[in-house]
Protein backbone atom coordinates (compact mmCIF):
# COMPACT_ATOMS: atom_id res chain seq x y z
CA ILE A 1 -0.28 6.34 3.93
CA ALA A 2 -0.92 2.94 2.88
CA ALA A 3 -4.65 2.99 4.45
CA ILE A 4 -5.51 5.83 2.23
CA SER A 5 -4.38 4.02 -0.66
CA LYS A 6 -7.49 1.98 0.19
CA HIS A 7 -9.81 4.98 -0.29
CA ILE A 8 -8.15 6.16 -3.30
CA ASP A 9 -9.07 2.46 -4.88
CA ASP A 10 -12.00 2.67 -3.87
CA LEU A 11 -12.77 6.33 -5.52
CA ILE A 12 -10.89 5.43 -8.90
CA ASN A 13 -12.77 1.78 -9.18
CA LYS A 14 -16.00 3.89 -8.31
CA ARG A 15 -16.97 1.06 -5.81
CA ASP A 16 -20.29 0.62 -4.65
CA SER A 17 -20.67 2.44 -1.46
CA LEU A 18 -22.43 5.20 0.04
CA TRP A 19 -19.25 7.04 0.90
CA VAL A 20 -17.56 6.65 -2.63
CA ASP A 21 -20.79 8.17 -4.12
CA TRP A 22 -20.82 10.93 -2.07
CA ALA A 23 -17.31 11.96 -2.51
CA TRP A 24 -17.92 11.99 -6.23
CA TYR A 25 -21.29 14.09 -6.02
CA HIS A 26 -20.31 16.61 -3.48
CA LYS A 27 -16.06 16.46 -3.87
CA ILE A 28 -14.99 15.50 -7.32
CA LYS A 29 -18.16 16.48 -9.02
CA ASN A 30 -17.15 16.99 -12.70
CA LYS A 31 -13.05 17.70 -11.69
CA TYR A 32 -10.24 15.02 -13.20
CA PHE A 33 -9.33 13.51 -9.39
CA TRP A 34 -5.91 13.22 -10.16
CA CYS A 35 -5.84 17.10 -11.14
CA MET A 36 -7.91 18.36 -8.23
CA THR A 37 -6.25 20.98 -6.23
CA ILE A 38 -6.15 20.52 -2.38
CA PRO A 39 -9.12 22.50 -0.72
CA MET A 40 -7.89 23.48 2.84
CA THR A 41 -11.45 23.81 4.36
CA SER A 42 -12.13 20.14 3.64
CA SER A 43 -11.34 17.24 6.16
CA TRP A 44 -8.12 15.96 7.07
CA LEU A 45 -9.12 12.64 5.50
CA TRP A 46 -9.76 14.62 2.07
CA ARG A 47 -6.77 16.85 2.30
CA ASN A 48 -4.83 13.30 2.88
CA ILE A 49 -6.25 11.57 0.22
CA LEU A 50 -5.22 14.62 -2.67
CA LYS A 51 -1.88 15.30 -0.84
CA PHE A 52 -0.63 11.66 -1.64
CA ARG A 53 -1.72 11.00 -5.18
CA ALA A 54 1.71 11.90 -6.38
CA VAL A 55 2.82 8.77 -4.05
CA PHE A 56 0.35 6.31 -5.53
CA LEU A 57 0.07 7.32 -9.16
CA PRO A 58 3.23 5.34 -10.20
CA MET A 59 1.85 2.40 -9.07
CA ILE A 60 -1.42 2.75 -10.78
CA LEU A 61 -2.50 1.51 -14.44
CA TYR A 62 -6.23 2.55 -15.85
CA PRO A 63 -7.31 0.18 -18.44
CA VAL A 64 -8.34 0.86 -21.87
CA LYS A 65 -10.97 -0.56 -23.45
CA PRO A 66 -13.10 0.46 -26.71
CA ASP A 67 -16.06 1.37 -24.55
CA SER A 68 -14.08 3.09 -21.19
CA PHE A 69 -14.35 6.54 -20.36
CA VAL A 70 -10.81 6.92 -19.64
CA SER A 71 -9.14 10.49 -20.18
CA PHE A 72 -6.18 10.74 -22.35
CA TRP A 73 -4.59 13.12 -20.65
CA HIS A 74 -5.85 13.18 -17.02
CA ASP A 75 -5.67 9.46 -16.44
CA PRO A 76 -2.72 6.98 -15.92
CA TRP A 77 -3.32 4.59 -18.42
CA ALA A 78 0.29 3.63 -20.18
CA SER A 79 2.68 2.48 -17.94
CA LYS A 80 3.70 4.67 -14.48
CA GLY A 81 1.25 7.14 -16.10
CA LEU A 82 0.83 8.71 -19.22
CA ILE A 83 2.47 12.34 -19.39
CA LEU A 84 2.86 13.24 -15.41
CA SER A 85 4.59 16.24 -15.96
CA SER A 86 1.78 17.46 -18.43
CA MET A 87 -1.42 15.59 -16.68
CA CYS A 88 -2.47 18.68 -15.33
CA ASP A 89 -0.68 21.78 -17.64
CA TYR A 90 -3.43 22.95 -19.25
CA ASN A 91 -0.97 25.20 -21.34
CA GLN A 92 0.79 22.28 -23.00
CA ILE A 93 -2.55 20.27 -23.15
CA MET A 94 -4.15 23.59 -25.06
CA GLN A 95 -1.21 23.51 -27.58
CA SER A 96 -0.93 19.49 -28.18
CA GLY A 97 -3.61 19.40 -30.43
CA ILE A 98 -5.46 16.78 -28.81
CA HIS A 99 -8.47 18.01 -26.52
CA THR A 100 -8.07 18.17 -22.98
CA ASP A 101 -11.46 16.04 -22.82
CA ALA A 102 -10.07 13.39 -25.33
CA LYS A 103 -10.36 9.85 -24.50
CA ALA A 104 -7.48 7.63 -24.46
CA ASN A 105 -9.41 5.02 -26.98
CA ASP A 106 -9.81 7.30 -29.76
CA TYR A 107 -6.14 7.22 -30.54
CA ILE A 108 -5.14 3.90 -29.55
CA HIS A 109 -5.38 1.49 -32.65
CA ASP A 110 -4.17 -2.15 -32.81
CA GLY A 111 -2.84 -1.50 -29.33
CA LYS A 112 -0.70 1.13 -30.61
CA VAL A 113 -1.09 5.00 -29.98
CA VAL A 114 -1.58 6.98 -33.02
CA LEU A 115 -1.53 10.80 -32.49
CA PRO A 116 -3.15 13.31 -34.87
CA TYR A 117 -1.17 14.67 -37.92
CA ASN A 118 -1.51 18.19 -36.26
CA SER A 119 0.05 17.19 -32.92
CA ASN A 120 3.11 19.91 -31.89
CA GLN A 121 6.67 19.25 -31.68
CA TYR A 122 6.30 19.07 -27.87
CA LEU A 123 3.92 16.07 -27.79
CA ARG A 124 5.47 13.89 -30.47
CA GLN A 125 8.80 14.25 -28.70
CA LEU A 126 7.55 13.68 -25.38
CA TRP A 127 5.58 10.44 -26.61
CA SER A 128 8.68 9.16 -28.38
CA GLN A 129 10.72 9.02 -25.22
CA MET A 130 7.41 7.18 -23.48
CA GLN A 131 7.29 4.36 -26.37
CA GLN A 132 9.23 2.15 -24.01
CA LEU A 133 6.99 2.32 -21.09
CA PHE A 134 3.72 2.26 -22.69
CA SER A 135 1.98 -0.74 -22.71
CA PRO A 136 -1.92 0.12 -22.60
CA SER A 137 -4.02 -2.71 -20.30
CA THR A 138 -7.16 -4.43 -21.96
CA LYS A 139 -7.05 -7.17 -19.78
CA TYR A 140 -8.54 -5.84 -16.59
CA ASP A 141 -12.15 -4.22 -16.23
CA PHE A 142 -10.78 -1.96 -13.09
CA VAL A 143 -8.26 -0.33 -12.49
CA VAL A 144 -4.82 -2.47 -12.06
CA TRP A 145 -2.43 -1.69 -9.19
CA ASP A 146 1.34 -2.73 -9.24
CA MET A 147 0.36 -5.41 -6.69
CA LYS A 148 -2.55 -7.45 -7.90
CA PRO A 149 -5.16 -7.35 -6.28
CA HIS A 150 -4.82 -3.77 -4.22
CA SER A 151 -3.81 -4.54 -0.79
CA ILE A 152 -2.85 -1.95 1.80
CA LYS A 153 0.33 -4.30 2.86
CA GLY A 154 1.29 -4.26 -0.69
CA VAL A 155 1.17 -0.45 -0.83
CA TYR A 156 2.90 -0.15 2.53
CA ASN A 157 5.76 -2.39 1.11
CA TYR A 158 6.14 -0.24 -1.91
CA VAL A 159 6.23 2.90 -0.32
CA THR A 160 8.54 1.80 2.69
CA VAL A 161 10.97 0.11 0.17
CA SER A 162 10.90 1.44 -3.29
CA ALA A 163 9.79 4.99 -2.43
CA PRO A 164 10.92 5.47 0.82
CA LEU A 165 9.31 8.81 2.72
CA PRO A 166 11.65 11.38 5.02
CA ALA A 167 11.31 10.73 8.60
CA SER A 168 8.63 12.38 10.20
CA ASN A 169 9.06 14.71 13.24
CA TRP A 170 6.91 13.33 15.59
CA ASN A 171 6.46 16.11 17.69
CA SER A 172 4.77 18.26 15.13
CA VAL A 173 2.92 15.15 14.34
CA ILE A 174 1.56 14.58 17.92
CA TRP A 175 0.96 17.96 18.87
CA SER A 176 -0.73 19.06 15.57
CA THR A 177 -3.42 21.95 15.66
CA ASP A 178 -5.79 19.46 13.35
CA SER A 179 -6.47 16.92 16.18
CA GLN A 180 -8.05 17.34 19.96
CA PRO A 181 -6.11 18.18 22.77
CA LYS A 182 -7.05 15.23 24.62
CA HIS A 183 -6.36 12.60 21.44
CA ASN A 184 -2.80 14.81 21.06
CA LEU A 185 -2.20 13.87 24.85
CA MET A 186 -3.38 9.78 24.18
CA GLN A 187 -0.96 9.51 21.17
CA TRP A 188 2.02 10.94 23.45
CA LYS A 189 1.18 8.69 26.32
CA VAL A 190 1.13 6.12 23.93
CA ILE A 191 4.40 6.58 22.35
CA ASN A 192 6.12 6.76 25.77
CA LYS A 193 4.32 3.67 26.94
CA ALA A 194 2.73 5.88 29.67
CA MET A 195 -0.96 4.55 29.24
CA LEU A 196 -2.39 3.05 32.37
CA THR A 197 -4.29 0.33 30.55
CA ARG A 198 -2.84 -2.42 28.39
């Protein structure tokens, strides 16, 4: 899981690589990365990148600068994400008074969020609950992780210590239908220390 965070870091920072360009052009396209549904016909890697977004989301903070294109609704630009329960809830977004394509910097003035006068009660109440967490970052030009800079080891420590995952059923992992039988057998041998080579 921690290794997958490297791919997510490359994607959200739009690193200069052929794979990142390919993923944005063919996979993400004009969608919002944090709100994409998981296509069952995609590769194992892409499905797991999308599957584990929720694990990494609380660790990420998008910088908000005057010329940034950070989405108000669909990017985690406030501490621990903006409104995690509403980031992809289009019914709530449409009733909020803030357009679904709005940018975060359109509503930040002097380091404070200024909601439009026609915001509904739901958004105002939700935002008042988040004021203690709100701290828009303007210091960095790249997406910031809790462990600065991003490292697989730091993410691993966070996942295993701060947010431990349930124990895996190794039987179903090893004998998965997503991989070739030859690979399944090799994994079984490794775990049982039955490999002839060292």
